[in-house]
Protein backbone atom coordinates (compact mmCIF):
# COMPACT_ATOMS: atom_id res chain seq x y z
CA UNK A 1 154.92 80.28 36.00
CA UNK A 2 156.67 79.29 32.81
CA UNK A 3 154.52 76.14 32.59
CA UNK A 4 151.35 78.17 32.94
CA UNK A 5 152.50 80.68 30.36
CA UNK A 6 153.33 77.86 27.95
CA UNK A 7 149.89 76.24 28.47
CA UNK A 8 148.12 79.55 27.77
CA UNK A 9 150.12 80.00 24.60
CA UNK A 10 149.17 76.52 23.37
CA UNK A 11 145.48 77.13 24.08
CA UNK A 12 145.58 80.50 22.34
CA UNK A 13 147.30 79.01 19.30
CA UNK A 14 144.82 76.11 19.04
CA UNK A 15 141.87 78.52 19.17
CA UNK A 16 142.99 80.34 16.06
CA UNK A 17 141.65 77.77 13.49
CA UNK A 18 138.24 77.74 15.22
CA UNK A 19 138.02 81.48 15.03
CA UNK A 20 139.04 81.38 11.38
CA UNK A 21 136.32 78.66 10.71
CA UNK A 22 133.54 80.87 12.06
CA UNK A 23 131.19 82.27 9.39
CA UNK A 24 129.38 85.55 9.07
CA UNK A 25 125.75 85.32 10.16
CA UNK A 26 123.35 85.42 7.23
CA UNK A 27 125.81 83.94 4.75
CA UNK A 28 124.33 81.17 2.56
CA UNK A 29 126.29 78.67 0.47
CA UNK A 30 125.37 75.80 -1.83
CA UNK A 31 125.66 72.21 -0.65
CA UNK A 32 124.81 68.64 -1.67
CA UNK A 33 122.55 66.16 0.17
CA UNK A 34 121.80 62.72 -1.27
CA UNK A 35 122.81 63.96 -4.68
CA UNK A 36 120.50 66.98 -4.58
CA UNK A 37 121.59 70.62 -4.41
CA UNK A 38 120.56 72.57 -1.34
CA UNK A 39 121.70 75.48 0.83
CA UNK A 40 123.05 76.06 4.32
CA UNK A 41 123.01 79.32 6.26
CA UNK A 42 125.39 80.79 8.83
CA UNK A 43 123.68 81.31 12.17
CA UNK A 44 125.62 82.29 15.31
CA UNK A 45 128.87 81.75 13.48
CA UNK A 46 127.98 78.21 12.40
CA UNK A 47 126.48 76.79 9.20
CA UNK A 48 123.25 74.89 9.50
CA UNK A 49 122.90 71.37 8.04
CA UNK A 50 122.30 71.23 4.29
CA UNK A 51 118.62 71.92 3.53
CA UNK A 52 117.12 70.58 0.29
CA UNK A 53 113.68 71.78 -0.82
CA UNK A 54 111.26 68.87 -1.34
CA UNK A 55 110.23 68.07 -4.89
CA UNK A 56 106.79 69.34 -5.87
CA UNK A 57 104.11 66.62 -6.00
CA UNK A 58 103.80 64.86 -9.34
CA UNK A 59 100.39 65.33 -10.92
CA UNK A 60 98.70 63.64 -13.80
CA UNK A 61 95.51 62.25 -15.30
CA UNK A 62 94.61 58.58 -15.61
CA UNK A 63 91.93 57.40 -18.05
CA UNK A 64 90.86 53.80 -17.38
CA UNK A 65 88.85 52.37 -20.28
CA UNK A 66 85.79 51.60 -18.16
CA UNK A 67 84.34 51.10 -14.71
CA UNK A 68 81.56 48.60 -13.90
CA UNK A 69 78.73 50.57 -12.27
CA UNK A 70 76.32 47.72 -11.58
CA UNK A 71 74.84 44.45 -12.86
CA UNK A 72 71.07 44.21 -13.48
CA UNK A 73 69.77 40.62 -13.60
CA UNK A 74 66.94 39.72 -15.94
CA UNK A 75 63.68 38.38 -14.44
CA UNK A 76 62.07 35.24 -15.94
CA UNK A 77 60.33 35.58 -19.29
CA UNK A 78 57.48 34.19 -21.37
CA UNK A 79 57.95 32.41 -24.70
CA UNK A 80 56.50 34.31 -27.63
CA UNK A 81 57.10 37.77 -26.20
CA UNK A 82 54.90 40.07 -24.17
CA UNK A 83 56.34 38.94 -20.86
CA UNK A 84 54.67 40.49 -17.82
CA UNK A 85 57.78 40.01 -15.68
CA UNK A 86 59.83 43.06 -14.74
CA UNK A 87 62.09 44.46 -12.06
CA UNK A 88 62.27 48.19 -11.40
CA UNK A 89 64.97 50.00 -9.41
CA UNK A 90 63.63 53.40 -8.40
CA UNK A 91 63.94 55.72 -5.42
CA UNK A 92 64.28 52.83 -2.98
CA UNK A 93 67.38 51.59 -4.75
CA UNK A 94 70.96 52.83 -4.89
CA UNK A 95 72.34 50.06 -7.07
CA UNK A 96 76.08 50.51 -7.38
CA UNK A 97 79.07 49.71 -5.22
CA UNK A 98 81.99 50.89 -3.10
CA UNK A 99 85.22 51.33 -5.02
CA UNK A 100 88.89 51.81 -4.20
CA UNK A 101 92.05 51.82 -6.31
CA UNK A 102 94.74 51.23 -3.71
CA UNK A 103 96.00 48.20 -5.63
CA UNK A 104 96.84 50.42 -8.61
CA UNK A 105 99.74 51.84 -6.59
CA UNK A 106 103.02 50.45 -5.36
CA UNK A 107 103.15 48.60 -2.09
CA UNK A 108 103.78 50.90 0.85
CA UNK A 109 102.20 53.94 -0.80
CA UNK A 110 99.60 55.65 1.36
CA UNK A 111 96.53 56.16 -0.81
CA UNK A 112 93.61 58.51 -0.17
CA UNK A 113 90.74 59.76 -2.30
CA UNK A 114 88.94 63.08 -2.45
CA UNK A 115 85.61 64.00 -4.02
CA UNK A 116 83.33 66.99 -3.83
CA UNK A 117 80.24 64.88 -4.47
CA UNK A 118 77.63 65.31 -7.16
CA UNK A 119 75.97 63.50 -10.02
CA UNK A 120 77.72 61.77 -12.86
CA UNK A 121 75.39 62.81 -15.66
CA UNK A 122 74.78 60.64 -18.66
CA UNK A 123 76.37 61.63 -21.92
CA UNK A 124 75.06 58.65 -23.86
CA UNK A 125 71.83 56.79 -24.41
CA UNK A 126 71.59 54.63 -21.29
CA UNK A 127 69.11 56.96 -19.63
CA UNK A 128 70.65 56.82 -16.17
CA UNK A 129 72.83 58.81 -13.82
CA UNK A 130 74.90 57.85 -10.82
CA UNK A 131 75.98 59.77 -7.75
CA UNK A 132 79.49 59.79 -6.36
CA UNK A 133 80.58 60.50 -2.80
CA UNK A 134 83.43 59.73 -0.44
CA UNK A 135 83.05 56.74 1.86
CA UNK A 136 82.21 57.68 5.44
CA UNK A 137 84.29 54.82 6.82
CA UNK A 138 87.42 54.68 4.65
CA UNK A 139 89.41 57.62 3.27
CA UNK A 140 90.62 55.56 0.30
CA UNK A 141 87.15 54.56 -0.98
CA UNK A 142 84.33 56.13 -2.97
CA UNK A 143 80.63 55.31 -3.15
CA UNK A 144 79.31 55.22 -6.73
CA UNK A 145 75.56 54.57 -6.76
CA UNK A 146 72.50 55.11 -8.91
CA UNK A 147 70.90 58.47 -8.22
CA UNK A 148 67.47 58.53 -6.59
CA UNK A 149 66.04 60.35 -9.63
CA UNK A 150 66.98 57.50 -11.97
CA UNK A 151 64.69 54.50 -12.44
CA UNK A 152 66.02 51.42 -14.20
CA UNK A 153 63.38 48.92 -15.34
CA UNK A 154 64.18 45.59 -16.98
CA UNK A 155 61.46 43.40 -18.46
CA UNK A 156 61.49 39.64 -18.82
CA UNK A 157 62.58 38.23 -22.21
CA UNK A 158 60.45 36.54 -24.87
CA UNK A 159 61.54 33.05 -23.80
CA UNK A 160 60.47 30.78 -20.97
CA UNK A 161 62.63 30.58 -17.89
CA UNK A 162 65.71 32.58 -17.01
CA UNK A 163 68.30 33.66 -19.55
CA UNK A 164 71.37 35.45 -18.22
CA UNK A 165 72.25 36.56 -21.74
CA UNK A 166 69.64 39.23 -21.01
CA UNK A 167 71.47 40.47 -17.91
CA UNK A 168 72.81 44.01 -18.23
CA UNK A 169 76.29 45.17 -17.21
CA UNK A 170 76.34 48.95 -16.79
CA UNK A 171 79.62 50.66 -17.69
CA UNK A 172 81.07 54.11 -17.12
CA UNK A 173 83.18 54.62 -20.22
CA UNK A 174 86.59 56.28 -20.05
CA UNK A 175 86.41 58.00 -16.63
CA UNK A 176 89.08 60.65 -15.97
CA UNK A 177 90.94 60.54 -12.67
CA UNK A 178 93.24 63.23 -11.28
CA UNK A 179 96.26 61.96 -9.33
CA UNK A 180 98.70 63.80 -7.06
CA UNK A 181 101.68 61.74 -5.93
CA UNK A 182 104.70 62.02 -3.67
CA UNK A 183 107.25 59.27 -2.97
CA UNK A 184 105.23 58.10 0.06
CA UNK A 185 101.62 59.20 -0.47
CA UNK A 186 99.13 59.47 -3.31
CA UNK A 187 95.77 61.18 -3.63
CA UNK A 188 93.32 60.52 -6.45
CA UNK A 189 89.91 61.87 -7.32
CA UNK A 190 87.37 61.86 -10.11
CA UNK A 191 88.37 64.78 -12.33
CA UNK A 192 85.89 67.61 -12.40
CA UNK A 193 84.15 68.98 -15.46
CA UNK A 194 83.39 65.63 -17.06
CA UNK A 195 80.04 64.17 -18.10
CA UNK A 196 79.95 60.45 -17.49
CA UNK A 197 79.45 58.37 -20.61
CA UNK A 198 77.22 55.55 -19.33
CA UNK A 199 76.33 52.53 -21.43
CA UNK A 200 74.79 49.19 -20.48
CA UNK A 201 75.69 46.09 -22.47
CA UNK A 202 73.76 42.82 -22.64
CA UNK A 203 75.70 39.76 -21.52
CA UNK A 204 74.66 37.92 -24.69
CA UNK A 205 76.18 40.65 -26.87
CA UNK A 206 79.48 40.47 -25.00
CA UNK A 207 79.53 36.71 -25.48
CA UNK A 208 78.69 37.00 -29.18
CA UNK A 209 79.88 40.39 -30.47
CA UNK A 210 78.34 39.73 -33.89
CA UNK A 211 74.92 40.27 -32.26
CA UNK A 212 75.86 43.58 -30.63
CA UNK A 213 74.13 46.62 -32.15
CA UNK A 214 76.68 48.54 -34.26
CA UNK A 215 76.07 51.76 -32.34
CA UNK A 216 76.97 50.10 -29.02
CA UNK A 217 80.04 48.42 -30.47
CA UNK A 218 81.19 51.74 -31.93
CA UNK A 219 80.82 53.55 -28.60
CA UNK A 220 82.85 50.88 -26.84
CA UNK A 221 85.48 50.99 -29.58
CA UNK A 222 85.66 54.79 -29.38
CA UNK A 223 86.68 54.40 -25.73
CA UNK A 224 89.32 51.79 -26.47
CA UNK A 225 87.16 48.80 -25.48
CA UNK A 226 87.53 45.95 -27.98
CA UNK A 227 86.23 42.35 -28.04
CA UNK A 228 89.47 41.41 -26.27
CA UNK A 229 88.10 43.24 -23.21
CA UNK A 230 84.68 41.55 -23.28
CA UNK A 231 85.64 38.42 -21.26
CA UNK A 232 86.92 40.64 -18.43
CA UNK A 233 83.70 42.67 -18.44
CA UNK A 234 81.64 39.46 -18.36
CA UNK A 235 83.31 38.40 -15.12
CA UNK A 236 81.18 40.99 -13.31
CA UNK A 237 78.28 38.55 -13.78
CA UNK A 238 79.13 35.06 -12.45
CA UNK A 239 76.14 33.60 -14.34
CA UNK A 240 77.11 34.99 -17.74
CA UNK A 241 78.44 31.65 -18.95
CA UNK A 242 75.76 29.43 -17.50
CA UNK A 243 77.02 28.99 -13.95
CA UNK A 244 74.46 27.75 -11.43
CA UNK A 245 76.48 27.85 -8.19
CA UNK A 246 75.40 30.78 -6.03
CA UNK A 247 78.23 32.35 -4.03
CA UNK A 248 76.78 32.68 -0.51
CA UNK A 249 79.16 35.53 0.35
CA UNK A 250 77.98 37.72 -2.53
CA UNK A 251 74.36 36.57 -2.90
CA UNK A 252 72.13 36.49 0.15
CA UNK A 253 68.77 34.69 0.07
CA UNK A 254 65.71 36.89 0.51
CA UNK A 255 63.65 33.86 1.67
CA UNK A 256 61.16 34.95 -0.98
CA UNK A 257 59.85 32.67 -3.74
CA UNK A 258 57.32 33.02 -6.54
CA UNK A 259 55.28 30.40 -8.42
CA UNK A 260 56.30 30.20 -12.06
CA UNK A 261 53.69 28.04 -13.73
CA UNK A 262 52.24 27.88 -17.25
CA UNK A 263 48.56 28.75 -17.84
CA UNK A 264 45.85 26.09 -17.72
CA UNK A 265 45.27 26.02 -21.47
CA UNK A 266 46.85 27.39 -24.61
CA UNK A 267 45.79 30.98 -25.15
CA UNK A 268 45.08 31.61 -21.46
CA UNK A 269 46.89 34.57 -19.89
CA UNK A 270 49.79 33.87 -17.57
CA UNK A 271 49.39 34.46 -13.83
CA UNK A 272 51.39 37.39 -12.46
CA UNK A 273 52.58 38.28 -8.96
CA UNK A 274 53.60 41.74 -7.80
CA UNK A 275 55.73 42.46 -4.77
CA UNK A 276 58.43 44.73 -3.38
CA UNK A 277 61.81 43.12 -2.87
CA UNK A 278 63.65 44.41 0.17
CA UNK A 279 67.23 43.59 1.12
CA UNK A 280 66.27 43.69 4.80
CA UNK A 281 64.39 40.43 4.26
CA UNK A 282 67.71 38.64 3.85
CA UNK A 283 67.81 38.42 7.66
CA UNK A 284 71.43 37.44 7.14
CA UNK A 285 74.70 39.10 7.97
CA UNK A 286 76.73 39.81 4.84
CA UNK A 287 80.43 39.07 4.90
CA UNK A 288 82.70 41.59 3.21
CA UNK A 289 82.98 40.70 -0.46
CA UNK A 290 85.43 42.13 -2.99
CA UNK A 291 85.87 41.97 -6.72
CA UNK A 292 89.13 43.20 -8.25
CA UNK A 293 89.72 43.73 -11.96
CA UNK A 294 92.27 45.43 -14.21
CA UNK A 295 91.39 47.62 -17.17
CA UNK A 296 93.55 49.24 -19.82
CA UNK A 297 94.55 52.84 -19.13
CA UNK A 298 96.14 55.86 -20.74
CA UNK A 299 98.23 58.16 -18.57
CA UNK A 300 99.42 61.73 -18.94
CA UNK A 301 101.66 63.83 -16.67
CA UNK A 302 101.04 67.52 -16.10
CA UNK A 303 103.38 70.47 -15.59
CA UNK A 304 106.28 68.64 -17.19
CA UNK A 305 106.86 66.52 -14.09
CA UNK A 306 108.94 63.47 -15.15
CA UNK A 307 108.60 59.99 -13.75
CA UNK A 308 104.97 60.47 -12.74
CA UNK A 309 103.93 56.84 -13.25
CA UNK A 310 107.17 55.47 -11.82
CA UNK A 311 106.67 57.49 -8.67
CA UNK A 312 103.70 55.56 -7.31
CA UNK A 313 101.79 53.58 -9.96
CA UNK A 314 102.39 49.88 -10.48
CA UNK A 315 101.72 50.16 -14.20
CA UNK A 316 101.66 52.86 -16.85
CA UNK A 317 99.12 50.97 -18.98
CA UNK A 318 96.58 49.39 -16.60
CA UNK A 319 94.40 50.47 -13.69
CA UNK A 320 93.05 48.23 -10.92
CA UNK A 321 89.53 48.73 -9.57
CA UNK A 322 88.41 47.06 -6.36
CA UNK A 323 84.66 46.86 -5.73
CA UNK A 324 83.68 46.10 -2.16
CA UNK A 325 80.38 45.25 -0.52
CA UNK A 326 81.36 46.22 3.02
CA UNK A 327 80.06 44.52 6.13
CA UNK A 328 76.37 45.08 6.76
CA UNK A 329 73.35 43.42 8.30
CA UNK A 330 69.81 43.29 7.07
CA UNK A 331 68.73 45.69 9.80
CA UNK A 332 71.08 48.31 8.41
CA UNK A 333 70.09 48.12 4.75
CA UNK A 334 67.08 49.42 2.90
CA UNK A 335 67.61 48.57 -0.76
CA UNK A 336 64.37 47.75 -2.53
CA UNK A 337 62.91 47.15 -5.99
CA UNK A 338 59.44 46.57 -7.39
CA UNK A 339 59.01 43.25 -9.14
CA UNK A 340 56.35 41.56 -11.24
CA UNK A 341 56.76 37.85 -11.91
CA UNK A 342 54.75 36.44 -14.80
CA UNK A 343 54.51 32.79 -15.70
CA UNK A 344 55.88 30.88 -18.70
CA UNK A 345 53.96 29.94 -21.82
CA UNK A 346 51.60 26.99 -22.15
CA UNK A 347 53.52 23.71 -22.40
CA UNK A 348 56.47 24.80 -20.26
CA UNK A 349 58.15 21.85 -18.50
CA UNK A 350 60.86 23.51 -16.42
CA UNK A 351 61.13 24.46 -12.71
CA UNK A 352 57.93 26.03 -11.36
CA UNK A 353 59.33 28.10 -8.48
CA UNK A 354 61.65 31.11 -8.56
CA UNK A 355 63.82 32.25 -5.63
CA UNK A 356 65.31 35.72 -5.18
CA UNK A 357 68.78 36.65 -3.89
CA UNK A 358 70.38 40.01 -3.02
CA UNK A 359 73.70 40.84 -4.68
CA UNK A 360 75.55 42.67 -1.88
CA UNK A 361 78.30 43.80 -4.27
CA UNK A 362 76.12 45.73 -6.74
CA UNK A 363 72.92 46.09 -4.65
CA UNK A 364 70.61 44.40 -7.14
CA UNK A 365 68.43 41.28 -7.09
CA UNK A 366 69.15 37.92 -8.69
CA UNK A 367 66.43 35.47 -9.78
CA UNK A 368 67.14 31.74 -9.71
CA UNK A 369 65.07 28.60 -10.38
CA UNK A 370 64.45 26.24 -7.46
CA UNK A 371 65.62 22.84 -8.64
CA UNK A 372 64.62 20.81 -5.55
CA UNK A 373 61.10 19.57 -4.70
CA UNK A 374 58.98 21.67 -2.27
CA UNK A 375 59.43 20.74 1.39
CA UNK A 376 56.31 22.35 2.83
CA UNK A 377 53.02 23.71 1.49
CA UNK A 378 49.27 23.70 1.52
CA UNK A 379 46.13 25.25 0.03
CA UNK A 380 44.65 28.61 0.91
CA UNK A 381 40.87 28.77 0.60
CA UNK A 382 38.18 31.34 1.30
CA UNK A 383 35.38 30.89 3.83
CA UNK A 384 33.24 29.21 1.16
CA UNK A 385 36.00 26.75 0.28
CA UNK A 386 37.21 28.34 -2.94
CA UNK A 387 40.96 28.57 -3.62
CA UNK A 388 42.51 32.02 -3.20
CA UNK A 389 45.12 32.69 -5.92
CA UNK A 390 47.87 35.31 -5.86
CA UNK A 391 47.82 35.67 -2.08
CA UNK A 392 51.00 36.24 -0.11
CA UNK A 393 51.79 33.65 2.59
CA UNK A 394 54.44 34.25 5.27
CA UNK A 395 55.80 31.70 7.72
CA UNK A 396 58.00 32.76 10.62
CA UNK A 397 60.10 29.99 12.16
CA UNK A 398 63.21 30.15 14.34
CA UNK A 399 63.38 33.92 14.02
CA UNK A 400 63.30 34.00 10.19
CA UNK A 401 60.39 34.93 7.94
CA UNK A 402 59.81 33.12 4.65
CA UNK A 403 57.52 34.50 1.92
CA UNK A 404 55.75 33.02 -1.08
CA UNK A 405 52.50 33.37 -3.06
CA UNK A 406 49.64 31.05 -3.91
CA UNK A 407 49.25 29.87 -7.51
CA UNK A 408 46.02 29.91 -9.54
CA UNK A 409 44.79 26.86 -7.60
CA UNK A 410 45.44 28.48 -4.20
CA UNK A 411 48.46 26.31 -3.54
CA UNK A 412 51.53 27.64 -1.76
CA UNK A 413 54.95 25.98 -1.64
CA UNK A 414 58.17 26.51 0.30
CA UNK A 415 61.57 24.95 -0.44
CA UNK A 416 62.16 24.84 3.34
CA UNK A 417 61.08 22.24 5.90
CA UNK A 418 59.40 23.61 9.03
CA UNK A 419 59.21 21.73 12.33
CA UNK A 420 57.79 22.87 15.66
CA UNK A 421 56.18 26.20 16.49
CA UNK A 422 55.59 28.57 13.54
CA UNK A 423 53.52 31.64 12.83
CA UNK A 424 51.61 31.79 9.54
CA UNK A 425 50.25 35.03 8.09
CA UNK A 426 48.15 35.54 4.98
CA UNK A 427 45.94 38.52 4.35
CA UNK A 428 44.15 39.42 7.57
CA UNK A 429 44.78 36.11 9.31
CA UNK A 430 47.64 35.23 11.65
CA UNK A 431 47.82 31.69 12.96
CA UNK A 432 50.21 29.83 15.23
CA UNK A 433 50.76 26.16 14.59
CA UNK A 434 52.95 23.33 15.80
CA UNK A 435 54.27 21.40 12.81
CA UNK A 436 54.99 17.71 13.51
CA UNK A 437 58.33 16.37 12.32
CA UNK A 438 56.69 14.07 9.78
CA UNK A 439 54.32 16.74 8.39
CA UNK A 440 54.92 18.80 5.26
CA UNK A 441 51.47 20.30 4.73
CA UNK A 442 49.14 22.80 6.36
CA UNK A 443 45.98 24.07 4.69
CA UNK A 444 44.70 27.53 5.58
CA UNK A 445 41.37 29.33 5.35
CA UNK A 446 40.99 33.07 5.17
CA UNK A 447 37.98 34.77 6.72
């Protein structure tokens, strides 16, 4: 009995500190967790773990100096001025691109973008507007494209051939972006209430700023864009500095060519050809293509939140844009433009055929001279044997359709070699033919 009584006494004595450690329900006290002050509450006689309220999201506004909206390539011209060549992007075109800014933020940060949609109106003299919407396939991307109501028309220059100094790079000047950031996630969007300041700049003026109209230079300067930025802007156009190599990932062939020949005699009018360019005629699957570029930026925090830039941004002075083409096939695209191709002046000695390519990054059309001899051709004549000029000729071979036009002598030319069974269409006629391996010519007669 004495042993049992002693054991009970020990147990009773040891229970006293526990009873004294119990707290009164509802009591709250301050505490520290990872260096931050929090609280803990007494529930059922015990204090809960230390609870620290999360920091409010950091918010701020980023103002990159510019964003490249699109690149419009000049068609061929005619020496002496008065070129009949032009390319027009209207309702069938949404020239522009997909954009993300995930690479502006630190590695490991989850980035998303929000937008309510709408039109970025034009606050300057470019005469265009662009629509903005969230990507349907990626929560961190936006679609910035020319609005259907805007038509952009570019005429050929007053020189023979192609001159990429006449290409236009369209800029959105000083866009404002709203950013909300936490240590692990960031959300950005185009700030509301702004009117987009849109300005196109000729490639030749960026290369030689002394030729740039003062008003354009002043608008760029007012948005912090100086001649030091011009080389970076020029990189949007791979042909700005005379490059001839066509990147097959960015530029898809339309399998469409035009004659580009001088008139018969001095003073004669040049021959023109009109057609609709359609990206579906690429008949080629586009690989995903990206273009990344950094621009200068000013940054401001809101609500007195410190460390805004350090929280998620890689830099406090630069912003990274990433333009992306996305993966698409010809069957899923419907970009189009109306084009007129006029010939060069009398005495021109350069290439006499022009090919067209589709820029999958900016959804516009590139014109390029064909520097190799024709591989297949013929003459198109009427029932009475007269040549038929300006007539479209299509050849379908191995599942692809190639298109060209007859010149003033009724001649048609293709840069491709055809062998075996083909289908030829011109006007109301459709003809099947078997082209021998050693043949490069087939004359046609329309009814």
